[in-house]
Amino acid sequence: MQKRKFPPFIHNLLVRLAKAFGYYDLPVQAIRITRELYQMCSKHYDDNKEFYIGACGLPDSFQTWFSVTLLHIWMLMVRFRVENEGKIFMQQLVNHLFEDAEWRMREDYGVCYFF
């Protein structure tokens, strides 16, 4: 996908508007960045499912997906611990994990919880 080029005046105006609406705030950036990182972790299991089930002998279950994905999330969290604002990124990774886990339980296993 090719990025759209704007004239400098329009670009500066858009950046100022984005800053005014909080697009570049750290928590908002953490949500965007960790969403992409989480998707890579989750996709790893989906891409290598045959290996985990066949070669490793793990059952084809929600628990297997959760364990493998959590292992990858944990490795990212270890890396984020040394950063100044790492706690914000770590929290967002956990948020993405549990949102995805809830969605998978509902879609794949028909589990529905009402709070």
N, C-alpha and C. Protein backbone atom coordinates (compact mmCIF):
# COMPACT_ATOMS: atom_id res chain seq x y z
N MET A 1 0.83 -1.17 0.00
CA MET A 1 0.00 0.00 0.00
C MET A 1 0.89 1.24 0.00
N GLN A 2 0.61 2.14 -0.89
CA GLN A 2 1.42 3.34 -1.04
C GLN A 2 0.87 4.45 -0.15
N LYS A 3 1.78 5.13 0.55
CA LYS A 3 1.35 6.23 1.42
C LYS A 3 0.98 7.44 0.57
N ARG A 4 -0.05 8.12 1.02
CA ARG A 4 -0.52 9.30 0.31
C ARG A 4 0.36 10.49 0.67
N LYS A 5 0.77 11.25 -0.32
CA LYS A 5 1.60 12.45 -0.10
C LYS A 5 0.70 13.67 -0.07
N PHE A 6 0.86 14.48 0.97
CA PHE A 6 0.11 15.72 1.09
C PHE A 6 1.08 16.89 0.96
N PRO A 7 0.57 18.01 0.51
CA PRO A 7 1.41 19.22 0.53
C PRO A 7 1.82 19.54 1.97
N PRO A 8 2.98 20.18 2.16
CA PRO A 8 3.46 20.44 3.53
C PRO A 8 2.46 21.16 4.42
N PHE A 9 1.71 22.12 3.86
CA PHE A 9 0.74 22.86 4.67
C PHE A 9 -0.35 21.92 5.20
N ILE A 10 -0.88 21.09 4.33
CA ILE A 10 -1.93 20.14 4.72
C ILE A 10 -1.37 19.11 5.71
N HIS A 11 -0.16 18.63 5.47
CA HIS A 11 0.46 17.66 6.36
C HIS A 11 0.61 18.23 7.76
N ASN A 12 1.12 19.46 7.87
CA ASN A 12 1.28 20.11 9.18
C ASN A 12 -0.06 20.30 9.87
N LEU A 13 -1.08 20.66 9.11
CA LEU A 13 -2.41 20.84 9.67
C LEU A 13 -2.96 19.52 10.20
N LEU A 14 -2.78 18.44 9.45
CA LEU A 14 -3.26 17.13 9.89
C LEU A 14 -2.52 16.64 11.13
N VAL A 15 -1.22 16.89 11.19
CA VAL A 15 -0.44 16.49 12.37
C VAL A 15 -0.91 17.27 13.60
N ARG A 16 -1.16 18.55 13.46
CA ARG A 16 -1.64 19.35 14.58
C ARG A 16 -3.01 18.89 15.06
N LEU A 17 -3.88 18.57 14.10
CA LEU A 17 -5.20 18.05 14.48
C LEU A 17 -5.09 16.71 15.20
N ALA A 18 -4.22 15.85 14.70
CA ALA A 18 -4.03 14.55 15.33
C ALA A 18 -3.51 14.71 16.76
N LYS A 19 -2.57 15.61 16.95
CA LYS A 19 -2.05 15.86 18.30
C LYS A 19 -3.14 16.43 19.20
N ALA A 20 -3.96 17.32 18.67
CA ALA A 20 -5.03 17.93 19.46
C ALA A 20 -6.04 16.88 19.91
N PHE A 21 -6.29 15.87 19.08
CA PHE A 21 -7.26 14.84 19.42
C PHE A 21 -6.63 13.64 20.12
N GLY A 22 -5.34 13.72 20.45
CA GLY A 22 -4.71 12.70 21.25
C GLY A 22 -4.16 11.51 20.49
N TYR A 23 -4.04 11.60 19.17
CA TYR A 23 -3.58 10.48 18.36
C TYR A 23 -2.14 10.10 18.69
N TYR A 24 -1.33 11.06 19.10
CA TYR A 24 0.07 10.79 19.39
C TYR A 24 0.36 10.66 20.88
N ASP A 25 -0.67 10.59 21.72
CA ASP A 25 -0.45 10.35 23.14
C ASP A 25 0.12 8.95 23.34
N LEU A 26 0.92 8.77 24.36
CA LEU A 26 1.58 7.50 24.61
C LEU A 26 0.61 6.32 24.76
N PRO A 27 -0.46 6.45 25.55
CA PRO A 27 -1.38 5.30 25.67
C PRO A 27 -2.03 4.92 24.33
N VAL A 28 -2.34 5.89 23.52
CA VAL A 28 -2.95 5.61 22.21
C VAL A 28 -1.93 4.96 21.29
N GLN A 29 -0.71 5.44 21.31
CA GLN A 29 0.34 4.82 20.51
C GLN A 29 0.61 3.40 20.99
N ALA A 30 0.57 3.18 22.30
CA ALA A 30 0.80 1.85 22.84
C ALA A 30 -0.27 0.87 22.36
N ILE A 31 -1.51 1.32 22.28
CA ILE A 31 -2.58 0.45 21.78
C ILE A 31 -2.31 0.05 20.34
N ARG A 32 -1.93 1.02 19.51
CA ARG A 32 -1.67 0.72 18.09
C ARG A 32 -0.47 -0.20 17.92
N ILE A 33 0.61 0.10 18.61
CA ILE A 33 1.85 -0.67 18.45
C ILE A 33 1.66 -2.10 18.97
N THR A 34 1.07 -2.23 20.15
CA THR A 34 0.91 -3.57 20.72
C THR A 34 -0.12 -4.39 19.98
N ARG A 35 -1.08 -3.75 19.30
CA ARG A 35 -2.03 -4.50 18.49
C ARG A 35 -1.28 -5.25 17.38
N GLU A 36 -0.37 -4.57 16.73
CA GLU A 36 0.41 -5.21 15.67
C GLU A 36 1.31 -6.31 16.23
N LEU A 37 1.95 -6.04 17.36
CA LEU A 37 2.81 -7.05 17.98
C LEU A 37 1.99 -8.26 18.42
N TYR A 38 0.83 -8.01 19.00
CA TYR A 38 -0.01 -9.12 19.43
C TYR A 38 -0.47 -9.96 18.24
N GLN A 39 -0.84 -9.31 17.16
CA GLN A 39 -1.29 -10.05 15.98
C GLN A 39 -0.18 -10.96 15.44
N MET A 40 1.07 -10.51 15.53
CA MET A 40 2.18 -11.37 15.11
C MET A 40 2.30 -12.58 16.03
N CYS A 41 2.15 -12.37 17.33
CA CYS A 41 2.24 -13.49 18.28
C CYS A 41 1.12 -14.49 18.05
N SER A 42 -0.08 -14.00 17.87
CA SER A 42 -1.23 -14.88 17.67
C SER A 42 -1.15 -15.60 16.33
N LYS A 43 -0.66 -14.91 15.33
CA LYS A 43 -0.54 -15.51 13.99
C LYS A 43 0.50 -16.63 13.97
N HIS A 44 1.49 -16.53 14.83
CA HIS A 44 2.53 -17.55 14.88
C HIS A 44 1.93 -18.92 15.18
N TYR A 45 1.02 -18.99 16.11
CA TYR A 45 0.39 -20.28 16.42
C TYR A 45 -0.44 -20.77 15.24
N ASP A 46 -1.21 -19.87 14.65
CA ASP A 46 -2.05 -20.28 13.52
C ASP A 46 -1.22 -20.78 12.35
N ASP A 47 -0.07 -20.15 12.10
CA ASP A 47 0.79 -20.56 10.99
C ASP A 47 1.51 -21.88 11.26
N ASN A 48 1.79 -22.18 12.51
CA ASN A 48 2.56 -23.37 12.88
C ASN A 48 1.74 -24.38 13.67
N LYS A 49 0.45 -24.38 13.48
CA LYS A 49 -0.43 -25.25 14.25
C LYS A 49 -0.09 -26.73 14.06
N GLU A 50 0.26 -27.13 12.84
CA GLU A 50 0.60 -28.53 12.56
C GLU A 50 1.81 -28.97 13.37
N PHE A 51 2.79 -28.07 13.53
CA PHE A 51 3.98 -28.39 14.31
C PHE A 51 3.62 -28.64 15.77
N TYR A 52 2.86 -27.73 16.36
CA TYR A 52 2.53 -27.86 17.77
C TYR A 52 1.67 -29.10 18.04
N ILE A 53 0.77 -29.40 17.14
CA ILE A 53 -0.13 -30.54 17.34
C ILE A 53 0.56 -31.85 16.95
N GLY A 54 1.21 -31.85 15.77
CA GLY A 54 1.82 -33.08 15.29
C GLY A 54 3.15 -33.41 15.94
N ALA A 55 4.12 -32.55 15.77
CA ALA A 55 5.48 -32.82 16.25
C ALA A 55 5.60 -32.73 17.78
N CYS A 56 4.91 -31.78 18.36
CA CYS A 56 5.02 -31.60 19.82
C CYS A 56 4.01 -32.45 20.59
N GLY A 57 3.02 -32.96 19.89
CA GLY A 57 2.03 -33.82 20.54
C GLY A 57 1.07 -33.08 21.45
N LEU A 58 0.87 -31.80 21.21
CA LEU A 58 -0.08 -31.03 22.02
C LEU A 58 -1.49 -31.21 21.48
N PRO A 59 -2.50 -31.18 22.34
CA PRO A 59 -3.88 -31.33 21.86
C PRO A 59 -4.33 -30.09 21.09
N ASP A 60 -5.23 -30.30 20.16
CA ASP A 60 -5.80 -29.18 19.40
C ASP A 60 -6.91 -28.57 20.24
N SER A 61 -6.53 -27.63 21.10
CA SER A 61 -7.51 -27.05 22.03
C SER A 61 -7.21 -25.58 22.26
N PHE A 62 -8.16 -24.95 22.92
CA PHE A 62 -8.00 -23.55 23.30
C PHE A 62 -6.81 -23.39 24.23
N GLN A 63 -6.61 -24.34 25.14
CA GLN A 63 -5.50 -24.27 26.10
C GLN A 63 -4.16 -24.24 25.39
N THR A 64 -4.01 -25.03 24.33
CA THR A 64 -2.75 -25.04 23.57
C THR A 64 -2.51 -23.69 22.92
N TRP A 65 -3.54 -23.15 22.27
CA TRP A 65 -3.40 -21.83 21.64
C TRP A 65 -3.02 -20.80 22.70
N PHE A 66 -3.71 -20.82 23.83
CA PHE A 66 -3.47 -19.83 24.87
C PHE A 66 -2.06 -19.95 25.43
N SER A 67 -1.60 -21.17 25.66
CA SER A 67 -0.27 -21.38 26.23
C SER A 67 0.84 -20.90 25.30
N VAL A 68 0.73 -21.25 24.02
CA VAL A 68 1.75 -20.85 23.05
C VAL A 68 1.74 -19.34 22.86
N THR A 69 0.56 -18.76 22.74
CA THR A 69 0.46 -17.31 22.55
C THR A 69 0.95 -16.57 23.79
N LEU A 70 0.60 -17.08 24.97
CA LEU A 70 1.07 -16.45 26.20
C LEU A 70 2.58 -16.51 26.33
N LEU A 71 3.19 -17.58 25.87
CA LEU A 71 4.64 -17.68 25.90
C LEU A 71 5.27 -16.57 25.06
N HIS A 72 4.72 -16.33 23.88
CA HIS A 72 5.25 -15.26 23.02
C HIS A 72 4.99 -13.88 23.63
N ILE A 73 3.83 -13.70 24.23
CA ILE A 73 3.53 -12.43 24.90
C ILE A 73 4.49 -12.20 26.06
N TRP A 74 4.76 -13.25 26.81
CA TRP A 74 5.70 -13.13 27.94
C TRP A 74 7.08 -12.69 27.46
N MET A 75 7.56 -13.25 26.33
CA MET A 75 8.86 -12.84 25.81
C MET A 75 8.88 -11.37 25.43
N LEU A 76 7.79 -10.87 24.86
CA LEU A 76 7.70 -9.44 24.56
C LEU A 76 7.68 -8.61 25.84
N MET A 77 6.98 -9.09 26.84
CA MET A 77 6.89 -8.35 28.10
C MET A 77 8.24 -8.27 28.80
N VAL A 78 9.04 -9.31 28.70
CA VAL A 78 10.39 -9.27 29.27
C VAL A 78 11.19 -8.15 28.60
N ARG A 79 11.01 -8.03 27.30
CA ARG A 79 11.73 -6.98 26.56
C ARG A 79 11.23 -5.59 26.96
N PHE A 80 9.92 -5.45 27.15
CA PHE A 80 9.35 -4.15 27.52
C PHE A 80 9.72 -3.71 28.93
N ARG A 81 10.07 -4.64 29.81
CA ARG A 81 10.40 -4.28 31.19
C ARG A 81 11.54 -3.30 31.31
N VAL A 82 12.47 -3.32 30.38
CA VAL A 82 13.64 -2.45 30.47
C VAL A 82 13.38 -1.06 29.91
N GLU A 83 12.23 -0.86 29.27
CA GLU A 83 11.91 0.45 28.71
C GLU A 83 11.30 1.35 29.77
N ASN A 84 11.44 2.66 29.57
CA ASN A 84 10.91 3.62 30.54
C ASN A 84 9.40 3.52 30.70
N GLU A 85 8.68 3.46 29.61
CA GLU A 85 7.22 3.40 29.63
C GLU A 85 6.72 1.99 29.34
N GLY A 86 7.51 1.00 29.68
CA GLY A 86 7.19 -0.38 29.35
C GLY A 86 5.92 -0.91 29.97
N LYS A 87 5.55 -0.41 31.15
CA LYS A 87 4.34 -0.91 31.82
C LYS A 87 3.10 -0.63 31.00
N ILE A 88 3.07 0.50 30.32
CA ILE A 88 1.91 0.83 29.48
C ILE A 88 1.80 -0.17 28.34
N PHE A 89 2.92 -0.49 27.72
CA PHE A 89 2.92 -1.44 26.60
C PHE A 89 2.59 -2.85 27.09
N MET A 90 3.11 -3.23 28.24
CA MET A 90 2.82 -4.55 28.79
C MET A 90 1.33 -4.70 29.08
N GLN A 91 0.72 -3.67 29.65
CA GLN A 91 -0.70 -3.73 29.96
C GLN A 91 -1.53 -3.86 28.68
N GLN A 92 -1.14 -3.15 27.64
CA GLN A 92 -1.89 -3.23 26.39
C GLN A 92 -1.75 -4.61 25.74
N LEU A 93 -0.58 -5.23 25.85
CA LEU A 93 -0.42 -6.59 25.34
C LEU A 93 -1.36 -7.56 26.05
N VAL A 94 -1.44 -7.43 27.36
CA VAL A 94 -2.34 -8.29 28.13
C VAL A 94 -3.79 -8.02 27.74
N ASN A 95 -4.15 -6.76 27.54
CA ASN A 95 -5.50 -6.42 27.12
C ASN A 95 -5.85 -7.08 25.79
N HIS A 96 -4.93 -7.01 24.82
CA HIS A 96 -5.18 -7.63 23.51
C HIS A 96 -5.31 -9.14 23.64
N LEU A 97 -4.48 -9.74 24.49
CA LEU A 97 -4.54 -11.19 24.69
C LEU A 97 -5.91 -11.61 25.21
N PHE A 98 -6.40 -10.94 26.23
CA PHE A 98 -7.67 -11.36 26.81
C PHE A 98 -8.87 -11.00 25.94
N GLU A 99 -8.78 -9.94 25.16
CA GLU A 99 -9.84 -9.65 24.21
C GLU A 99 -9.92 -10.74 23.15
N ASP A 100 -8.77 -11.16 22.65
CA ASP A 100 -8.73 -12.22 21.65
C ASP A 100 -9.18 -13.55 22.25
N ALA A 101 -8.76 -13.84 23.47
CA ALA A 101 -9.16 -15.09 24.12
C ALA A 101 -10.68 -15.14 24.30
N GLU A 102 -11.26 -14.04 24.72
CA GLU A 102 -12.71 -13.99 24.87
C GLU A 102 -13.41 -14.20 23.53
N TRP A 103 -12.91 -13.55 22.49
CA TRP A 103 -13.50 -13.71 21.16
C TRP A 103 -13.39 -15.16 20.68
N ARG A 104 -12.22 -15.78 20.88
CA ARG A 104 -12.04 -17.17 20.45
C ARG A 104 -12.94 -18.12 21.22
N MET A 105 -13.11 -17.89 22.50
CA MET A 105 -14.00 -18.75 23.28
C MET A 105 -15.43 -18.66 22.76
N ARG A 106 -15.85 -17.47 22.43
CA ARG A 106 -17.22 -17.29 21.91
C ARG A 106 -17.37 -17.90 20.52
N GLU A 107 -16.43 -17.62 19.63
CA GLU A 107 -16.54 -18.07 18.25
C GLU A 107 -16.27 -19.56 18.08
N ASP A 108 -15.19 -20.04 18.68
CA ASP A 108 -14.76 -21.41 18.45
C ASP A 108 -15.43 -22.42 19.36
N TYR A 109 -15.78 -22.02 20.56
CA TYR A 109 -16.26 -22.98 21.54
C TYR A 109 -17.65 -22.69 22.05
N GLY A 110 -18.26 -21.61 21.59
CA GLY A 110 -19.62 -21.30 21.99
C GLY A 110 -19.77 -20.91 23.44
N VAL A 111 -18.70 -20.52 24.07
CA VAL A 111 -18.76 -20.09 25.48
C VAL A 111 -19.21 -18.64 25.51
N CYS A 112 -20.18 -18.37 26.34
CA CYS A 112 -20.69 -17.00 26.46
C CYS A 112 -20.90 -16.69 27.92
N TYR A 113 -20.25 -15.66 28.40
CA TYR A 113 -20.38 -15.24 29.77
C TYR A 113 -21.13 -13.93 29.81
N PHE A 114 -22.04 -13.81 30.74
CA PHE A 114 -22.77 -12.55 30.92
C PHE A 114 -22.41 -12.00 32.28
N PHE A 115 -21.97 -10.76 32.31
CA PHE A 115 -21.58 -10.11 33.55
C PHE A 115 -22.62 -9.13 33.97
